Amino acid sequence: MKIDRTRFRLTTEQYFPAEHKKDLIVLHFTAGTTASGAHATWVTPVNGRQQRVATAYVVDLDGTVYEFFPPEAWAYHLGMKTGNPGWVQDKRSIGIEIVNPGPLKAVGEQLNWYPKNFGVKWCGKEETAKYVAAKYRGFDYYAAFPEVQQAAVRELVAGLADRFAIPKVLPAEKQRTAFDPGFFQQFQGIASHQNLRADKFDIGPAWDWAALEARLERP
């Protein structure tokens, strides 16, 4: 598949170039609406220091895949407070951010995303292709992932699994939305941020796990 490795490339001060064996892919959403927004956040120093918080890939709404740093390297992308000695979970995993605003709140007949205390419109309730109505971790609505974007993610995941010999395994259906640190700190395959953090919403209920599973079952 086509991957843009130049537009949003990070410097070695913005990730850790040391290579590590990979056995896990973790899906995230950006809680934003552009790949450039994620880039701006990750390259901006805090108190004069680069934070080295990033994922190897970001997939934009139109399906464009950007590689921010080599996937055999690593950066802080999980933010786990426990169960991550020596950042082992970050080191063994490849993070993929998917551009998506995430949870939405209803304000009258429109759905807003989080800026300004959920004061920015994402869509109207009549625009049913742009959201999924599903209760998850305190929210009733989540922004939808366009099919072109999901298809790109599926191909990226399949390619990375082949390249790094990562098991093409998904959690059991009942575990896909669960926070279960005892299980996921040992799991090898494809998971999401919500499996490793109780306070995270990504990848959320709008993600099509069945379509990803079907792609991974193909040669």
Protein backbone atom coordinates (compact mmCIF):
# COMPACT_ATOMS: atom_id res chain seq x y z
CA MET A 1 0.00 0.00 0.00
CA LYS A 2 1.07 3.62 -0.48
CA ILE A 3 2.47 5.25 2.67
CA ASP A 4 3.60 8.88 2.94
CA ARG A 5 6.88 8.81 4.86
CA THR A 6 7.90 12.43 4.36
CA ARG A 7 5.15 14.91 5.16
CA PHE A 8 4.95 14.35 8.92
CA ARG A 9 8.26 12.66 9.65
CA LEU A 10 9.45 13.10 13.24
CA THR A 11 13.05 13.68 14.23
CA THR A 12 14.93 11.22 16.45
CA GLU A 13 14.45 13.69 19.31
CA GLN A 14 10.70 13.10 19.02
CA TYR A 15 10.71 9.29 19.30
CA PHE A 16 13.12 6.56 20.45
CA PRO A 17 15.00 5.06 17.48
CA ALA A 18 16.06 1.90 19.32
CA GLU A 19 14.50 -1.15 17.66
CA HIS A 20 12.34 -3.62 19.58
CA LYS A 21 10.54 -6.84 18.73
CA LYS A 22 6.87 -6.18 17.99
CA ASP A 23 4.01 -8.51 18.87
CA LEU A 24 1.11 -6.08 19.34
CA ILE A 25 -0.69 -3.44 17.24
CA VAL A 26 -2.73 -0.86 19.18
CA LEU A 27 -5.46 1.19 17.49
CA HIS A 28 -6.14 4.73 18.69
CA PHE A 29 -8.22 7.64 17.48
CA THR A 30 -6.81 11.14 17.50
CA ALA A 31 -9.76 12.88 19.22
CA GLY A 32 -9.25 15.44 16.47
CA THR A 33 -10.10 16.02 12.84
CA THR A 34 -6.75 16.22 11.01
CA ALA A 35 -3.42 14.39 10.84
CA SER A 36 -1.70 17.77 10.96
CA GLY A 37 -3.30 18.43 14.35
CA ALA A 38 -1.74 15.29 15.78
CA HIS A 39 1.60 16.26 14.27
CA ALA A 40 1.46 19.75 15.77
CA THR A 41 0.75 18.31 19.22
CA TRP A 42 3.56 15.79 19.08
CA VAL A 43 6.28 18.13 17.83
CA THR A 44 5.53 20.92 20.31
CA PRO A 45 7.92 20.85 23.29
CA VAL A 46 6.50 21.04 26.82
CA ASN A 47 8.58 23.12 29.22
CA GLY A 48 11.31 23.15 26.60
CA ARG A 49 11.47 19.34 26.24
CA GLN A 50 10.30 17.02 23.49
CA GLN A 51 7.82 14.58 25.01
CA ARG A 52 8.35 11.68 22.59
CA VAL A 53 4.62 10.98 22.61
CA ALA A 54 3.50 9.73 19.19
CA THR A 55 2.43 6.71 17.15
CA ALA A 56 4.27 5.29 14.19
CA TYR A 57 1.28 5.84 11.89
CA VAL A 58 -1.65 8.19 11.43
CA VAL A 59 -4.47 7.41 9.00
CA ASP A 60 -6.37 10.45 7.75
CA LEU A 61 -10.08 10.69 6.99
CA ASP A 62 -9.45 10.22 3.26
CA GLY A 63 -7.43 7.06 3.85
CA THR A 64 -3.99 8.63 3.48
CA VAL A 65 -1.47 6.79 5.64
CA TYR A 66 1.39 8.77 7.18
CA GLU A 67 4.42 7.16 8.78
CA PHE A 68 5.71 9.40 11.57
CA PHE A 69 8.66 7.20 12.50
CA PRO A 70 9.89 3.67 11.68
CA PRO A 71 7.56 1.06 13.20
CA GLU A 72 10.43 -0.96 14.63
CA ALA A 73 11.24 2.05 16.86
CA TRP A 74 8.94 3.31 19.63
CA ALA A 75 7.46 6.28 21.46
CA TYR A 76 5.17 6.83 24.43
CA HIS A 77 1.69 6.20 23.08
CA LEU A 78 -0.13 4.25 25.80
CA GLY A 79 0.24 6.44 28.89
CA MET A 80 -0.19 3.47 31.23
CA LYS A 81 0.42 4.18 34.91
CA THR A 82 0.82 0.52 35.93
CA GLY A 83 1.65 -2.74 34.20
CA ASN A 84 4.23 -1.11 31.97
CA PRO A 85 7.65 -1.53 33.64
CA GLY A 86 10.41 -0.05 31.54
CA TRP A 87 7.73 1.01 29.05
CA VAL A 88 7.59 -2.59 27.83
CA GLN A 89 4.05 -2.23 26.49
CA ASP A 90 5.02 0.82 24.42
CA LYS A 91 8.17 -0.87 23.16
CA ARG A 92 6.49 -4.08 22.01
CA SER A 93 3.58 -2.38 20.27
CA ILE A 94 3.03 -0.43 17.07
CA GLY A 95 0.56 2.42 17.54
CA ILE A 96 -1.83 3.52 14.79
CA GLU A 97 -3.77 6.75 15.25
CA ILE A 98 -6.94 7.07 13.19
CA VAL A 99 -8.19 10.61 12.60
CA ASN A 100 -11.55 10.76 14.34
CA PRO A 101 -13.05 13.14 16.95
CA GLY A 102 -14.30 10.28 19.10
CA PRO A 103 -17.17 10.76 21.57
CA LEU A 104 -19.93 13.23 20.77
CA LYS A 105 -22.55 15.01 22.85
CA ALA A 106 -26.04 15.91 21.70
CA VAL A 107 -26.99 19.59 21.85
CA GLY A 108 -30.49 19.85 20.50
CA GLU A 109 -30.49 18.33 17.03
CA GLN A 110 -26.74 18.44 16.53
CA LEU A 111 -23.79 16.44 17.82
CA ASN A 112 -20.73 18.25 19.11
CA TRP A 113 -17.17 17.11 19.73
CA TYR A 114 -14.97 18.05 22.65
CA PRO A 115 -13.41 21.53 22.02
CA LYS A 116 -15.00 24.30 24.08
CA ASN A 117 -16.58 21.72 26.41
CA PHE A 118 -18.24 19.90 23.52
CA GLY A 119 -19.21 23.19 21.98
CA VAL A 120 -18.05 22.54 18.41
CA LYS A 121 -20.44 21.00 15.91
CA TRP A 122 -19.52 17.72 14.27
CA CYS A 123 -22.79 16.99 12.48
CA GLY A 124 -26.55 17.14 12.68
CA LYS A 125 -28.50 14.14 13.93
CA GLU A 126 -29.96 13.76 10.44
CA GLU A 127 -26.45 13.05 9.10
CA THR A 128 -26.58 9.43 10.18
CA ALA A 129 -23.55 8.38 8.13
CA LYS A 130 -21.31 10.57 10.28
CA TYR A 131 -21.95 9.00 13.67
CA VAL A 132 -22.93 5.85 15.53
CA ALA A 133 -25.44 5.88 18.37
CA ALA A 134 -23.93 3.57 20.99
CA LYS A 135 -23.49 3.88 24.73
CA TYR A 136 -19.86 3.48 25.80
CA ARG A 137 -17.96 4.85 28.79
CA GLY A 138 -20.40 7.64 29.53
CA PHE A 139 -21.19 8.79 25.98
CA ASP A 140 -24.16 7.97 23.74
CA TYR A 141 -22.71 8.91 20.34
CA TYR A 142 -19.40 8.40 18.54
CA ALA A 143 -18.12 9.77 15.25
CA ALA A 144 -18.13 7.24 12.41
CA PHE A 145 -15.01 6.13 10.53
CA PRO A 146 -15.36 6.58 6.74
CA GLU A 147 -15.06 3.30 4.85
CA VAL A 148 -12.09 4.54 2.81
CA GLN A 149 -10.28 5.22 6.07
CA GLN A 150 -11.19 1.88 7.62
CA ALA A 151 -10.06 0.06 4.47
CA ALA A 152 -6.68 1.80 4.66
CA VAL A 153 -6.31 0.84 8.32
CA ARG A 154 -7.17 -2.77 7.53
CA GLU A 155 -4.47 -2.95 4.85
CA LEU A 156 -1.94 -1.24 7.11
CA VAL A 157 -2.63 -3.64 9.99
CA ALA A 158 -2.42 -6.68 7.73
CA GLY A 159 0.84 -5.46 6.22
CA LEU A 160 2.43 -4.75 9.59
CA ALA A 161 1.32 -8.11 10.95
CA ASP A 162 3.00 -9.84 8.02
CA ARG A 163 6.16 -7.74 8.23
CA PHE A 164 6.71 -8.20 11.97
CA ALA A 165 5.16 -11.69 12.34
CA ILE A 166 2.51 -10.28 14.68
CA PRO A 167 -0.34 -12.78 15.21
CA LYS A 168 -3.39 -11.85 13.13
CA VAL A 169 -5.54 -12.30 16.21
CA LEU A 170 -8.27 -10.05 17.61
CA PRO A 171 -9.62 -10.17 21.16
CA ALA A 172 -12.78 -12.19 21.65
CA GLU A 173 -15.83 -10.10 20.83
CA LYS A 174 -16.78 -9.47 24.46
CA GLN A 175 -13.23 -8.30 25.23
CA ARG A 176 -12.88 -5.81 22.38
CA THR A 177 -14.42 -2.96 24.37
CA ALA A 178 -13.11 -4.11 27.75
CA PHE A 179 -10.38 -2.77 30.00
CA ASP A 180 -8.65 -5.96 31.09
CA PRO A 181 -5.01 -5.27 31.99
CA GLY A 182 -4.28 -8.80 33.19
CA PHE A 183 -5.21 -10.14 29.78
CA PHE A 184 -3.98 -7.42 27.44
CA GLN A 185 -0.56 -6.94 29.01
CA GLN A 186 0.16 -10.46 27.73
CA PHE A 187 -1.97 -10.41 24.57
CA GLN A 188 -0.31 -10.67 21.17
CA GLY A 189 -2.24 -9.48 18.12
CA ILE A 190 -4.41 -6.42 17.48
CA ALA A 191 -5.99 -4.47 20.34
CA SER A 192 -7.01 -0.87 21.09
CA HIS A 193 -6.20 1.82 23.62
CA GLN A 194 -9.38 1.18 25.59
CA ASN A 195 -8.14 -2.33 26.40
CA LEU A 196 -5.12 -0.94 28.27
CA ARG A 197 -6.58 2.22 29.83
CA ALA A 198 -9.88 2.45 31.71
CA ASP A 199 -10.07 6.20 31.03
CA LYS A 200 -9.75 5.99 27.24
CA PHE A 201 -12.49 5.78 24.62
CA ASP A 202 -10.48 4.67 21.60
CA ILE A 203 -11.15 2.89 19.44
CA GLY A 204 -14.77 3.06 20.60
CA PRO A 205 -17.98 1.41 19.39
CA ALA A 206 -17.95 2.92 15.89
CA TRP A 207 -15.02 0.76 14.75
CA ASP A 208 -15.87 -2.21 12.48
CA TRP A 209 -14.01 -5.11 14.09
CA ALA A 210 -15.78 -7.67 11.90
CA ALA A 211 -14.43 -6.12 8.70
CA LEU A 212 -10.91 -6.04 10.15
CA GLU A 213 -11.22 -9.67 11.20
CA ALA A 214 -12.36 -10.65 7.70
CA ARG A 215 -9.36 -8.88 6.16
CA LEU A 216 -6.92 -10.60 8.51
CA GLU A 217 -8.34 -14.00 7.59
CA ARG A 218 -7.37 -13.47 3.94
CA PRO A 219 -3.87 -14.41 2.75
